[in-house]
Amino acid sequence: MKYMLMLYEPEGAYEGEAGQKTLAEIIAQHMKLAEDLVAAGVEFSGEELQPTREARTVRTDAAGAKTVHDGPFAETREHLGGYYVIDVADLEAATAWARRVPIIPGGKVEVRPVVAH
């Protein structure tokens, strides 16, 4: 079954010289996680996302009219910074992999099953 692991971190966590150093360390840890997924035979994909300032949201109102808004719709200090989609046996296995995802303090990883059609 497929699961999406969504990585949420504080907006601006990688800004400045210290942030760039932290980012390089986190990326190295993601590369190691990818190696571990391959070694375990887990099919996966994933990408880093651009900052929220690059996002747009298309909102549909009750009448069906669509409006475009800059940025993400959610009002939060965190942003969805990237994701993995993994194919594992069950939620427990997906959660075990989510616990291994590199993330800065204060970040979180949401685990959600993908609907199979």
N, C-alpha and C. Protein backbone atom coordinates (compact mmCIF):
# COMPACT_ATOMS: atom_id res chain seq x y z
N MET A 1 0.84 -1.17 0.00
CA MET A 1 0.00 0.00 0.00
C MET A 1 0.89 1.24 0.00
N LYS A 2 0.41 2.28 -0.66
CA LYS A 2 1.20 3.51 -0.73
C LYS A 2 0.79 4.48 0.39
N TYR A 3 1.81 5.17 0.90
CA TYR A 3 1.63 6.18 1.94
C TYR A 3 2.42 7.42 1.54
N MET A 4 1.84 8.58 1.84
CA MET A 4 2.55 9.83 1.62
C MET A 4 3.07 10.30 2.97
N LEU A 5 4.35 10.63 3.00
CA LEU A 5 4.99 11.20 4.17
C LEU A 5 5.22 12.67 3.86
N MET A 6 4.47 13.54 4.53
CA MET A 6 4.55 14.98 4.24
C MET A 6 5.37 15.67 5.32
N LEU A 7 6.38 16.41 4.90
CA LEU A 7 7.34 17.03 5.81
C LEU A 7 6.98 18.49 6.04
N TYR A 8 6.65 18.82 7.27
CA TYR A 8 6.31 20.19 7.65
C TYR A 8 7.40 20.75 8.54
N GLU A 9 7.87 21.94 8.20
CA GLU A 9 8.91 22.60 8.97
C GLU A 9 8.58 24.08 9.11
N PRO A 10 9.16 24.74 10.12
CA PRO A 10 8.92 26.19 10.25
C PRO A 10 9.40 26.93 9.00
N GLU A 11 8.57 27.84 8.54
CA GLU A 11 8.93 28.67 7.38
C GLU A 11 10.21 29.42 7.70
N GLY A 12 11.14 29.48 6.79
CA GLY A 12 12.38 30.22 6.98
C GLY A 12 13.44 29.49 7.78
N ALA A 13 13.23 28.21 8.05
CA ALA A 13 14.18 27.46 8.88
C ALA A 13 15.57 27.37 8.27
N TYR A 14 15.68 27.51 6.97
CA TYR A 14 16.97 27.34 6.30
C TYR A 14 17.53 28.65 5.76
N GLU A 15 17.04 29.76 6.29
CA GLU A 15 17.53 31.06 5.84
C GLU A 15 18.83 31.41 6.57
N GLY A 16 19.64 32.23 5.94
CA GLY A 16 20.89 32.68 6.55
C GLY A 16 21.98 31.63 6.47
N GLU A 17 23.15 32.01 6.92
CA GLU A 17 24.32 31.12 6.85
C GLU A 17 24.12 29.86 7.68
N ALA A 18 23.63 30.02 8.91
CA ALA A 18 23.40 28.86 9.78
C ALA A 18 22.32 27.94 9.19
N GLY A 19 21.28 28.55 8.61
CA GLY A 19 20.22 27.78 7.99
C GLY A 19 20.72 26.98 6.80
N GLN A 20 21.59 27.57 6.00
CA GLN A 20 22.15 26.87 4.84
C GLN A 20 23.02 25.69 5.28
N LYS A 21 23.75 25.87 6.37
CA LYS A 21 24.55 24.77 6.91
C LYS A 21 23.64 23.64 7.37
N THR A 22 22.58 23.99 8.08
CA THR A 22 21.61 22.99 8.54
C THR A 22 20.98 22.29 7.35
N LEU A 23 20.63 23.04 6.30
CA LEU A 23 20.02 22.46 5.11
C LEU A 23 20.95 21.43 4.48
N ALA A 24 22.23 21.75 4.37
CA ALA A 24 23.20 20.81 3.78
C ALA A 24 23.25 19.52 4.60
N GLU A 25 23.20 19.65 5.93
CA GLU A 25 23.22 18.47 6.79
C GLU A 25 21.94 17.64 6.62
N ILE A 26 20.81 18.31 6.54
CA ILE A 26 19.53 17.61 6.38
C ILE A 26 19.48 16.90 5.02
N ILE A 27 19.97 17.56 3.97
CA ILE A 27 19.97 16.94 2.64
C ILE A 27 20.83 15.68 2.65
N ALA A 28 21.99 15.73 3.30
CA ALA A 28 22.84 14.54 3.40
C ALA A 28 22.10 13.41 4.11
N GLN A 29 21.32 13.76 5.13
CA GLN A 29 20.55 12.74 5.84
C GLN A 29 19.43 12.17 4.96
N HIS A 30 18.84 13.01 4.12
CA HIS A 30 17.82 12.52 3.18
C HIS A 30 18.44 11.57 2.16
N MET A 31 19.64 11.86 1.72
CA MET A 31 20.33 10.97 0.77
C MET A 31 20.56 9.60 1.42
N LYS A 32 20.93 9.60 2.69
CA LYS A 32 21.14 8.36 3.43
C LYS A 32 19.82 7.61 3.56
N LEU A 33 18.73 8.32 3.86
CA LEU A 33 17.42 7.68 3.96
C LEU A 33 17.05 7.04 2.62
N ALA A 34 17.31 7.72 1.52
CA ALA A 34 17.03 7.16 0.19
C ALA A 34 17.82 5.88 -0.02
N GLU A 35 19.08 5.87 0.38
CA GLU A 35 19.89 4.64 0.28
C GLU A 35 19.28 3.53 1.11
N ASP A 36 18.81 3.84 2.31
CA ASP A 36 18.20 2.84 3.18
C ASP A 36 16.90 2.30 2.59
N LEU A 37 16.10 3.17 1.99
CA LEU A 37 14.86 2.72 1.33
C LEU A 37 15.18 1.76 0.19
N VAL A 38 16.16 2.11 -0.61
CA VAL A 38 16.57 1.24 -1.73
C VAL A 38 17.07 -0.11 -1.19
N ALA A 39 17.91 -0.06 -0.17
CA ALA A 39 18.46 -1.29 0.40
C ALA A 39 17.37 -2.19 0.97
N ALA A 40 16.29 -1.57 1.48
CA ALA A 40 15.18 -2.34 2.04
C ALA A 40 14.18 -2.79 0.98
N GLY A 41 14.40 -2.38 -0.27
CA GLY A 41 13.50 -2.77 -1.36
C GLY A 41 12.18 -2.01 -1.36
N VAL A 42 12.16 -0.82 -0.75
CA VAL A 42 10.94 -0.01 -0.68
C VAL A 42 10.87 0.89 -1.91
N GLU A 43 9.79 0.76 -2.68
CA GLU A 43 9.59 1.67 -3.80
C GLU A 43 9.19 3.03 -3.25
N PHE A 44 9.80 4.10 -3.77
CA PHE A 44 9.49 5.43 -3.26
C PHE A 44 9.76 6.50 -4.30
N SER A 45 9.19 7.65 -4.05
CA SER A 45 9.50 8.87 -4.80
C SER A 45 9.40 10.01 -3.81
N GLY A 46 9.92 11.15 -4.16
CA GLY A 46 9.84 12.29 -3.27
C GLY A 46 10.50 13.49 -3.88
N GLU A 47 10.12 14.64 -3.38
CA GLU A 47 10.67 15.90 -3.88
C GLU A 47 10.66 16.95 -2.78
N GLU A 48 11.59 17.88 -2.89
CA GLU A 48 11.57 19.08 -2.07
C GLU A 48 10.67 20.08 -2.79
N LEU A 49 9.93 20.87 -2.04
CA LEU A 49 9.04 21.86 -2.64
C LEU A 49 9.62 23.27 -2.49
N GLN A 50 9.26 24.14 -3.41
CA GLN A 50 9.65 25.54 -3.34
C GLN A 50 8.99 26.19 -2.12
N PRO A 51 9.50 27.34 -1.64
CA PRO A 51 8.89 28.01 -0.50
C PRO A 51 7.45 28.43 -0.79
N THR A 52 6.70 28.70 0.28
CA THR A 52 5.29 29.05 0.12
C THR A 52 5.08 30.33 -0.69
N ARG A 53 6.08 31.21 -0.72
CA ARG A 53 5.92 32.44 -1.51
C ARG A 53 5.79 32.14 -3.00
N GLU A 54 6.14 30.94 -3.42
CA GLU A 54 6.02 30.52 -4.82
C GLU A 54 4.69 29.81 -5.10
N ALA A 55 3.89 29.60 -4.05
CA ALA A 55 2.65 28.82 -4.18
C ALA A 55 1.46 29.69 -4.55
N ARG A 56 0.46 29.05 -5.08
CA ARG A 56 -0.85 29.65 -5.32
C ARG A 56 -1.89 28.63 -4.87
N THR A 57 -3.04 29.15 -4.47
CA THR A 57 -4.15 28.30 -4.08
C THR A 57 -5.36 28.70 -4.91
N VAL A 58 -6.04 27.73 -5.49
CA VAL A 58 -7.29 27.98 -6.20
C VAL A 58 -8.40 27.54 -5.25
N ARG A 59 -9.23 28.50 -4.85
CA ARG A 59 -10.30 28.23 -3.89
C ARG A 59 -11.64 28.26 -4.62
N THR A 60 -12.51 27.30 -4.27
CA THR A 60 -13.85 27.23 -4.84
C THR A 60 -14.86 27.61 -3.77
N ASP A 61 -15.69 28.62 -4.06
CA ASP A 61 -16.68 29.04 -3.06
C ASP A 61 -17.95 28.21 -3.19
N ALA A 62 -18.93 28.49 -2.35
CA ALA A 62 -20.17 27.70 -2.30
C ALA A 62 -20.93 27.72 -3.62
N ALA A 63 -20.78 28.78 -4.41
CA ALA A 63 -21.46 28.89 -5.70
C ALA A 63 -20.67 28.22 -6.83
N GLY A 64 -19.47 27.74 -6.52
CA GLY A 64 -18.66 27.09 -7.54
C GLY A 64 -17.67 28.02 -8.22
N ALA A 65 -17.68 29.31 -7.84
CA ALA A 65 -16.73 30.25 -8.43
C ALA A 65 -15.33 29.97 -7.89
N LYS A 66 -14.35 30.10 -8.74
CA LYS A 66 -12.96 29.83 -8.36
C LYS A 66 -12.18 31.13 -8.32
N THR A 67 -11.41 31.30 -7.25
CA THR A 67 -10.55 32.47 -7.13
C THR A 67 -9.14 31.99 -6.84
N VAL A 68 -8.16 32.78 -7.29
CA VAL A 68 -6.76 32.42 -7.13
C VAL A 68 -6.15 33.32 -6.06
N HIS A 69 -5.41 32.70 -5.15
CA HIS A 69 -4.77 33.43 -4.04
C HIS A 69 -3.29 33.10 -4.04
N ASP A 70 -2.46 34.08 -3.72
CA ASP A 70 -1.03 33.84 -3.58
C ASP A 70 -0.78 33.05 -2.31
N GLY A 71 0.18 32.14 -2.38
CA GLY A 71 0.60 31.37 -1.22
C GLY A 71 -0.32 30.21 -0.92
N PRO A 72 0.03 29.48 0.13
CA PRO A 72 -0.81 28.34 0.54
C PRO A 72 -2.07 28.85 1.21
N PHE A 73 -3.10 28.06 1.24
CA PHE A 73 -4.36 28.47 1.84
C PHE A 73 -4.29 28.47 3.36
N ALA A 74 -3.59 27.49 3.93
CA ALA A 74 -3.55 27.36 5.40
C ALA A 74 -2.83 28.55 6.02
N GLU A 75 -3.38 29.04 7.11
CA GLU A 75 -2.73 30.10 7.89
C GLU A 75 -1.87 29.42 8.94
N THR A 76 -0.58 29.34 8.70
CA THR A 76 0.31 28.62 9.61
C THR A 76 1.72 29.15 9.48
N ARG A 77 2.53 28.90 10.48
CA ARG A 77 3.93 29.29 10.42
C ARG A 77 4.78 28.16 9.85
N GLU A 78 4.16 27.02 9.66
CA GLU A 78 4.86 25.88 9.06
C GLU A 78 4.47 25.79 7.60
N HIS A 79 5.31 25.12 6.84
CA HIS A 79 4.96 24.90 5.44
C HIS A 79 5.30 23.47 5.06
N LEU A 80 4.61 23.00 4.04
CA LEU A 80 4.89 21.68 3.48
C LEU A 80 6.14 21.83 2.64
N GLY A 81 7.26 21.32 3.12
CA GLY A 81 8.54 21.52 2.46
C GLY A 81 8.95 20.42 1.51
N GLY A 82 8.31 19.27 1.62
CA GLY A 82 8.64 18.16 0.74
C GLY A 82 7.82 16.94 1.12
N TYR A 83 8.04 15.87 0.39
CA TYR A 83 7.26 14.67 0.64
C TYR A 83 7.98 13.45 0.10
N TYR A 84 7.58 12.31 0.60
CA TYR A 84 7.93 11.00 0.05
C TYR A 84 6.63 10.27 -0.19
N VAL A 85 6.57 9.46 -1.21
CA VAL A 85 5.51 8.48 -1.39
C VAL A 85 6.21 7.13 -1.35
N ILE A 86 5.82 6.30 -0.38
CA ILE A 86 6.46 5.00 -0.22
C ILE A 86 5.42 3.90 -0.37
N ASP A 87 5.84 2.75 -0.80
CA ASP A 87 4.96 1.59 -0.97
C ASP A 87 5.42 0.52 0.01
N VAL A 88 4.68 0.38 1.11
CA VAL A 88 5.03 -0.57 2.17
C VAL A 88 3.79 -1.36 2.57
N ALA A 89 3.98 -2.33 3.44
CA ALA A 89 2.91 -3.27 3.80
C ALA A 89 1.73 -2.64 4.52
N ASP A 90 2.00 -1.72 5.46
CA ASP A 90 0.90 -1.20 6.27
C ASP A 90 1.29 0.11 6.93
N LEU A 91 0.34 0.65 7.71
CA LEU A 91 0.55 1.93 8.38
C LEU A 91 1.71 1.88 9.37
N GLU A 92 1.87 0.76 10.03
CA GLU A 92 2.97 0.63 11.00
C GLU A 92 4.32 0.73 10.29
N ALA A 93 4.45 0.09 9.14
CA ALA A 93 5.70 0.17 8.38
C ALA A 93 5.93 1.59 7.88
N ALA A 94 4.87 2.25 7.41
CA ALA A 94 5.00 3.63 6.94
C ALA A 94 5.41 4.55 8.08
N THR A 95 4.84 4.32 9.26
CA THR A 95 5.18 5.14 10.42
C THR A 95 6.64 4.91 10.83
N ALA A 96 7.10 3.67 10.74
CA ALA A 96 8.50 3.38 11.07
C ALA A 96 9.44 4.15 10.14
N TRP A 97 9.11 4.21 8.85
CA TRP A 97 9.94 4.98 7.91
C TRP A 97 9.82 6.48 8.21
N ALA A 98 8.62 6.94 8.55
CA ALA A 98 8.43 8.37 8.85
C ALA A 98 9.29 8.80 10.03
N ARG A 99 9.48 7.91 11.00
CA ARG A 99 10.32 8.23 12.15
C ARG A 99 11.78 8.42 11.76
N ARG A 100 12.16 7.91 10.60
CA ARG A 100 13.55 8.02 10.14
C ARG A 100 13.77 9.22 9.22
N VAL A 101 12.71 9.92 8.85
CA VAL A 101 12.84 11.07 7.95
C VAL A 101 13.57 12.20 8.69
N PRO A 102 14.66 12.72 8.11
CA PRO A 102 15.37 13.84 8.73
C PRO A 102 14.51 15.09 8.72
N ILE A 103 14.41 15.72 9.88
CA ILE A 103 13.62 16.95 9.99
C ILE A 103 14.18 17.76 11.15
N ILE A 104 14.12 19.07 11.02
CA ILE A 104 14.68 19.92 12.06
C ILE A 104 13.78 19.91 13.30
N PRO A 105 14.32 20.30 14.45
CA PRO A 105 13.49 20.38 15.65
C PRO A 105 12.29 21.29 15.41
N GLY A 106 11.14 20.84 15.85
CA GLY A 106 9.90 21.58 15.64
C GLY A 106 9.16 21.15 14.40
N GLY A 107 9.82 20.39 13.53
CA GLY A 107 9.18 19.89 12.32
C GLY A 107 8.37 18.65 12.61
N LYS A 108 7.59 18.23 11.64
CA LYS A 108 6.82 17.00 11.79
C LYS A 108 6.61 16.33 10.45
N VAL A 109 6.32 15.05 10.51
CA VAL A 109 6.05 14.26 9.32
C VAL A 109 4.66 13.66 9.46
N GLU A 110 3.76 14.01 8.54
CA GLU A 110 2.42 13.44 8.52
C GLU A 110 2.44 12.20 7.64
N VAL A 111 1.84 11.13 8.12
CA VAL A 111 1.74 9.87 7.37
C VAL A 111 0.28 9.70 6.96
N ARG A 112 0.04 9.58 5.65
CA ARG A 112 -1.33 9.43 5.19
C ARG A 112 -1.40 8.39 4.08
N PRO A 113 -2.34 7.44 4.20
CA PRO A 113 -2.50 6.45 3.13
C PRO A 113 -2.97 7.12 1.84
N VAL A 114 -2.50 6.61 0.72
CA VAL A 114 -2.93 7.07 -0.59
C VAL A 114 -4.11 6.19 -1.02
N VAL A 115 -5.15 6.80 -1.55
CA VAL A 115 -6.32 6.04 -1.99
C VAL A 115 -5.95 5.23 -3.24
N ALA A 116 -6.18 3.94 -3.17
CA ALA A 116 -5.92 3.07 -4.31
C ALA A 116 -7.19 2.95 -5.16
N HIS A 117 -7.05 3.19 -6.46
CA HIS A 117 -8.20 3.07 -7.36
C HIS A 117 -8.04 1.86 -8.24
